[in-house]
Amino acid sequence: MKIKVIIVDDEMHARSFLRKFCERYHSDTIDVLEECSSVESAVRVIKRYQPDLIFLDIQMPDENGFELLKYFDKINFEIIFTTAYKEFAIDAIRKNAFLLKMQDIIKG
């Protein structure tokens, strides 16, 4: 059974990178169901697909990644926060989530 994944990031290159990473290295275990560019669209997609895992950008224009969690009474999915901002690390840890610093990953 594959892990159902949704990618949420306002930057297209970041979404594309994560999708390609998942497809290249984990295609046998991960199925990227959808990419979303905003919290609003992500909430609809999460409710529709009930994913196992979300790659979630923290800093986005309208609402941040932490605000997405307020739309759910119960969080039935794992979260990997993706961000270039190290100051969000403490908040991510408090939410029992992983933090993936995208600029470090992209630079190699």
N, C-alpha and C. Protein backbone atom coordinates (compact mmCIF):
# COMPACT_ATOMS: atom_id res chain seq x y z
N MET A 1 0.84 -1.18 0.00
CA MET A 1 0.00 0.00 0.00
C MET A 1 0.89 1.25 0.00
N LYS A 2 0.62 2.17 -0.89
CA LYS A 2 1.42 3.38 -1.01
C LYS A 2 0.95 4.47 -0.03
N ILE A 3 1.89 5.32 0.34
CA ILE A 3 1.59 6.47 1.19
C ILE A 3 0.98 7.55 0.29
N LYS A 4 -0.23 8.00 0.65
CA LYS A 4 -0.91 9.04 -0.11
C LYS A 4 -0.41 10.41 0.35
N VAL A 5 0.12 11.20 -0.59
CA VAL A 5 0.78 12.46 -0.27
C VAL A 5 0.14 13.63 -1.00
N ILE A 6 0.08 14.76 -0.30
CA ILE A 6 -0.33 16.04 -0.88
C ILE A 6 0.82 17.02 -0.63
N ILE A 7 1.14 17.82 -1.62
CA ILE A 7 2.20 18.83 -1.51
C ILE A 7 1.54 20.20 -1.50
N VAL A 8 1.85 21.01 -0.47
CA VAL A 8 1.26 22.34 -0.34
C VAL A 8 2.39 23.36 -0.24
N ASP A 9 2.51 24.19 -1.28
CA ASP A 9 3.54 25.22 -1.31
C ASP A 9 3.13 26.26 -2.34
N ASP A 10 3.31 27.52 -2.03
CA ASP A 10 2.92 28.58 -2.96
C ASP A 10 3.92 28.72 -4.11
N GLU A 11 5.09 28.14 -3.99
CA GLU A 11 6.11 28.25 -5.04
C GLU A 11 6.10 26.99 -5.91
N MET A 12 5.88 27.21 -7.20
CA MET A 12 5.77 26.09 -8.13
C MET A 12 7.05 25.26 -8.17
N HIS A 13 8.22 25.90 -8.13
CA HIS A 13 9.47 25.13 -8.21
C HIS A 13 9.65 24.22 -6.99
N ALA A 14 9.18 24.64 -5.84
CA ALA A 14 9.28 23.81 -4.64
C ALA A 14 8.34 22.61 -4.75
N ARG A 15 7.11 22.84 -5.24
CA ARG A 15 6.17 21.72 -5.44
C ARG A 15 6.74 20.74 -6.46
N SER A 16 7.27 21.27 -7.53
CA SER A 16 7.83 20.42 -8.58
C SER A 16 9.01 19.60 -8.06
N PHE A 17 9.87 20.23 -7.27
CA PHE A 17 11.02 19.53 -6.70
C PHE A 17 10.58 18.36 -5.82
N LEU A 18 9.62 18.63 -4.94
CA LEU A 18 9.15 17.57 -4.04
C LEU A 18 8.48 16.43 -4.81
N ARG A 19 7.68 16.76 -5.81
CA ARG A 19 7.03 15.73 -6.62
C ARG A 19 8.09 14.87 -7.32
N LYS A 20 9.05 15.53 -7.96
CA LYS A 20 10.10 14.79 -8.66
C LYS A 20 10.92 13.93 -7.70
N PHE A 21 11.21 14.45 -6.53
CA PHE A 21 11.94 13.69 -5.51
C PHE A 21 11.17 12.42 -5.14
N CYS A 22 9.89 12.59 -4.86
CA CYS A 22 9.05 11.44 -4.49
C CYS A 22 8.97 10.43 -5.63
N GLU A 23 8.77 10.92 -6.84
CA GLU A 23 8.64 10.02 -7.98
C GLU A 23 9.95 9.32 -8.32
N ARG A 24 11.06 10.02 -8.20
CA ARG A 24 12.35 9.44 -8.55
C ARG A 24 12.84 8.43 -7.53
N TYR A 25 12.72 8.76 -6.24
CA TYR A 25 13.33 7.93 -5.21
C TYR A 25 12.36 7.06 -4.42
N HIS A 26 11.06 7.37 -4.52
CA HIS A 26 10.11 6.64 -3.68
C HIS A 26 8.82 6.28 -4.43
N SER A 27 8.90 6.09 -5.72
CA SER A 27 7.69 5.81 -6.51
C SER A 27 7.01 4.51 -6.10
N ASP A 28 7.76 3.60 -5.52
CA ASP A 28 7.17 2.34 -5.08
C ASP A 28 6.42 2.45 -3.76
N THR A 29 6.66 3.54 -3.01
CA THR A 29 6.00 3.68 -1.70
C THR A 29 5.16 4.95 -1.54
N ILE A 30 5.35 5.92 -2.44
CA ILE A 30 4.64 7.21 -2.31
C ILE A 30 3.84 7.49 -3.57
N ASP A 31 2.60 7.94 -3.37
CA ASP A 31 1.74 8.36 -4.46
C ASP A 31 1.35 9.82 -4.21
N VAL A 32 1.91 10.74 -5.00
CA VAL A 32 1.57 12.16 -4.86
C VAL A 32 0.22 12.37 -5.54
N LEU A 33 -0.79 12.65 -4.74
CA LEU A 33 -2.16 12.77 -5.23
C LEU A 33 -2.44 14.13 -5.85
N GLU A 34 -1.86 15.16 -5.25
CA GLU A 34 -2.22 16.52 -5.66
C GLU A 34 -1.17 17.50 -5.17
N GLU A 35 -1.07 18.63 -5.87
CA GLU A 35 -0.25 19.76 -5.44
C GLU A 35 -1.18 20.94 -5.24
N CYS A 36 -0.97 21.70 -4.17
CA CYS A 36 -1.80 22.86 -3.88
C CYS A 36 -0.91 24.07 -3.66
N SER A 37 -1.38 25.23 -4.10
CA SER A 37 -0.59 26.45 -3.96
C SER A 37 -1.07 27.36 -2.84
N SER A 38 -2.10 26.94 -2.12
CA SER A 38 -2.62 27.77 -1.02
C SER A 38 -3.24 26.89 0.05
N VAL A 39 -3.41 27.46 1.22
CA VAL A 39 -4.08 26.76 2.32
C VAL A 39 -5.52 26.46 1.94
N GLU A 40 -6.19 27.41 1.32
CA GLU A 40 -7.59 27.24 0.94
C GLU A 40 -7.78 26.02 0.04
N SER A 41 -6.98 25.92 -1.00
CA SER A 41 -7.13 24.76 -1.89
C SER A 41 -6.69 23.47 -1.19
N ALA A 42 -5.69 23.56 -0.34
CA ALA A 42 -5.20 22.38 0.39
C ALA A 42 -6.28 21.80 1.30
N VAL A 43 -7.03 22.64 1.97
CA VAL A 43 -8.09 22.16 2.87
C VAL A 43 -9.10 21.33 2.08
N ARG A 44 -9.52 21.83 0.92
CA ARG A 44 -10.48 21.09 0.09
C ARG A 44 -9.90 19.75 -0.35
N VAL A 45 -8.64 19.77 -0.80
CA VAL A 45 -8.00 18.55 -1.32
C VAL A 45 -7.78 17.53 -0.19
N ILE A 46 -7.36 18.00 0.97
CA ILE A 46 -7.14 17.10 2.11
C ILE A 46 -8.45 16.42 2.51
N LYS A 47 -9.52 17.19 2.57
CA LYS A 47 -10.81 16.61 2.94
C LYS A 47 -11.29 15.61 1.89
N ARG A 48 -10.98 15.86 0.63
CA ARG A 48 -11.40 14.96 -0.45
C ARG A 48 -10.60 13.66 -0.46
N TYR A 49 -9.27 13.74 -0.32
CA TYR A 49 -8.42 12.57 -0.50
C TYR A 49 -8.02 11.87 0.80
N GLN A 50 -8.12 12.53 1.94
CA GLN A 50 -7.70 11.93 3.21
C GLN A 50 -6.28 11.36 3.10
N PRO A 51 -5.28 12.22 2.85
CA PRO A 51 -3.91 11.73 2.65
C PRO A 51 -3.29 11.20 3.94
N ASP A 52 -2.21 10.46 3.76
CA ASP A 52 -1.44 9.97 4.90
C ASP A 52 -0.40 10.99 5.33
N LEU A 53 0.10 11.76 4.37
CA LEU A 53 1.22 12.67 4.61
C LEU A 53 1.05 13.94 3.79
N ILE A 54 1.41 15.06 4.40
CA ILE A 54 1.39 16.35 3.70
C ILE A 54 2.76 17.00 3.83
N PHE A 55 3.32 17.39 2.69
CA PHE A 55 4.47 18.28 2.68
C PHE A 55 3.88 19.67 2.69
N LEU A 56 4.14 20.44 3.74
CA LEU A 56 3.44 21.70 3.97
C LEU A 56 4.40 22.85 4.16
N ASP A 57 4.34 23.80 3.24
CA ASP A 57 5.13 25.02 3.37
C ASP A 57 4.57 25.82 4.54
N ILE A 58 5.44 26.50 5.24
CA ILE A 58 4.98 27.30 6.37
C ILE A 58 4.64 28.72 5.93
N GLN A 59 5.53 29.35 5.22
CA GLN A 59 5.36 30.76 4.85
C GLN A 59 4.71 30.86 3.47
N MET A 60 3.41 31.23 3.47
CA MET A 60 2.67 31.43 2.23
C MET A 60 1.92 32.76 2.31
N PRO A 61 1.55 33.34 1.17
CA PRO A 61 0.98 34.70 1.17
C PRO A 61 -0.29 34.91 1.99
N ASP A 62 -1.33 34.11 1.79
CA ASP A 62 -2.61 34.39 2.47
C ASP A 62 -2.68 33.83 3.88
N GLU A 63 -2.39 32.57 4.03
CA GLU A 63 -2.38 31.92 5.33
C GLU A 63 -1.14 31.05 5.40
N ASN A 64 -0.58 30.90 6.59
CA ASN A 64 0.61 30.06 6.70
C ASN A 64 0.23 28.60 6.98
N GLY A 65 1.23 27.74 6.88
CA GLY A 65 1.00 26.32 7.06
C GLY A 65 0.40 25.95 8.41
N PHE A 66 0.78 26.66 9.46
CA PHE A 66 0.23 26.36 10.78
C PHE A 66 -1.28 26.64 10.81
N GLU A 67 -1.72 27.65 10.08
CA GLU A 67 -3.14 28.00 10.06
C GLU A 67 -3.99 26.92 9.37
N LEU A 68 -3.39 26.16 8.47
CA LEU A 68 -4.11 25.07 7.83
C LEU A 68 -4.65 24.10 8.87
N LEU A 69 -3.89 23.85 9.90
CA LEU A 69 -4.28 22.88 10.93
C LEU A 69 -5.55 23.29 11.66
N LYS A 70 -5.85 24.57 11.69
CA LYS A 70 -7.05 25.06 12.38
C LYS A 70 -8.34 24.64 11.69
N TYR A 71 -8.26 24.21 10.45
CA TYR A 71 -9.44 23.80 9.69
C TYR A 71 -9.88 22.37 9.99
N PHE A 72 -9.11 21.68 10.81
CA PHE A 72 -9.39 20.27 11.09
C PHE A 72 -9.55 20.05 12.59
N ASP A 73 -10.65 19.40 12.98
CA ASP A 73 -10.86 19.05 14.38
C ASP A 73 -9.87 17.99 14.82
N LYS A 74 -9.58 17.06 13.93
CA LYS A 74 -8.64 15.99 14.21
C LYS A 74 -7.68 15.88 13.04
N ILE A 75 -6.39 15.83 13.34
CA ILE A 75 -5.37 15.70 12.30
C ILE A 75 -5.12 14.21 12.08
N ASN A 76 -5.58 13.69 10.94
CA ASN A 76 -5.45 12.27 10.62
C ASN A 76 -4.34 12.02 9.60
N PHE A 77 -3.36 12.89 9.57
CA PHE A 77 -2.28 12.77 8.61
C PHE A 77 -0.99 13.26 9.26
N GLU A 78 0.11 12.78 8.73
CA GLU A 78 1.42 13.24 9.18
C GLU A 78 1.79 14.49 8.40
N ILE A 79 2.67 15.31 8.97
CA ILE A 79 3.08 16.56 8.32
C ILE A 79 4.59 16.64 8.30
N ILE A 80 5.10 17.01 7.14
CA ILE A 80 6.50 17.43 7.05
C ILE A 80 6.46 18.88 6.60
N PHE A 81 6.80 19.77 7.51
CA PHE A 81 6.83 21.19 7.16
C PHE A 81 8.05 21.45 6.29
N THR A 82 7.85 22.19 5.22
CA THR A 82 8.95 22.57 4.33
C THR A 82 9.06 24.08 4.35
N THR A 83 10.27 24.56 4.60
CA THR A 83 10.45 26.00 4.69
C THR A 83 11.92 26.36 4.51
N ALA A 84 12.16 27.60 4.18
CA ALA A 84 13.53 28.11 4.11
C ALA A 84 13.83 28.93 5.36
N TYR A 85 12.86 29.03 6.27
CA TYR A 85 12.99 29.88 7.45
C TYR A 85 13.21 29.05 8.71
N LYS A 86 14.41 29.12 9.27
CA LYS A 86 14.75 28.30 10.43
C LYS A 86 13.98 28.70 11.69
N GLU A 87 13.47 29.93 11.74
CA GLU A 87 12.77 30.38 12.94
C GLU A 87 11.46 29.65 13.19
N PHE A 88 10.98 28.88 12.22
CA PHE A 88 9.75 28.12 12.39
C PHE A 88 9.98 26.75 13.00
N ALA A 89 11.20 26.38 13.25
CA ALA A 89 11.53 25.04 13.73
C ALA A 89 10.83 24.71 15.05
N ILE A 90 10.84 25.60 16.00
CA ILE A 90 10.23 25.35 17.32
C ILE A 90 8.74 25.09 17.17
N ASP A 91 8.04 25.91 16.39
CA ASP A 91 6.61 25.70 16.19
C ASP A 91 6.33 24.37 15.52
N ALA A 92 7.15 23.99 14.56
CA ALA A 92 6.96 22.70 13.88
C ALA A 92 7.13 21.55 14.87
N ILE A 93 8.12 21.64 15.72
CA ILE A 93 8.36 20.59 16.72
C ILE A 93 7.19 20.51 17.69
N ARG A 94 6.63 21.63 18.07
CA ARG A 94 5.47 21.63 18.98
C ARG A 94 4.26 20.95 18.35
N LYS A 95 4.18 20.96 17.03
CA LYS A 95 3.07 20.32 16.33
C LYS A 95 3.38 18.85 16.04
N ASN A 96 4.47 18.34 16.61
CA ASN A 96 4.89 16.95 16.39
C ASN A 96 5.10 16.64 14.92
N ALA A 97 5.68 17.60 14.21
CA ALA A 97 5.91 17.43 12.78
C ALA A 97 7.41 17.46 12.49
N PHE A 98 7.75 16.98 11.33
CA PHE A 98 9.13 17.07 10.86
C PHE A 98 9.32 18.42 10.20
N LEU A 99 10.55 18.88 10.14
CA LEU A 99 10.86 20.14 9.47
C LEU A 99 11.92 19.86 8.43
N LEU A 100 11.64 20.19 7.19
CA LEU A 100 12.55 19.99 6.09
C LEU A 100 12.90 21.36 5.54
N LYS A 101 14.15 21.76 5.70
CA LYS A 101 14.58 23.09 5.25
C LYS A 101 14.92 23.01 3.77
N MET A 102 14.06 23.56 2.93
CA MET A 102 14.14 23.36 1.49
C MET A 102 15.43 23.89 0.87
N GLN A 103 15.93 25.00 1.32
CA GLN A 103 17.13 25.53 0.66
C GLN A 103 18.31 24.60 0.85
N ASP A 104 18.38 23.88 1.95
CA ASP A 104 19.45 22.93 2.16
C ASP A 104 19.31 21.72 1.23
N ILE A 105 18.09 21.28 1.02
CA ILE A 105 17.82 20.13 0.16
C ILE A 105 18.14 20.48 -1.29
N ILE A 106 17.68 21.63 -1.74
CA ILE A 106 17.86 22.01 -3.13
C ILE A 106 19.34 22.26 -3.44
N LYS A 107 20.08 22.84 -2.51
CA LYS A 107 21.50 23.10 -2.72
C LYS A 107 22.29 21.80 -2.77
N GLY A 108 21.79 20.78 -2.08
CA GLY A 108 22.48 19.49 -2.06
C GLY A 108 23.41 19.50 -0.96
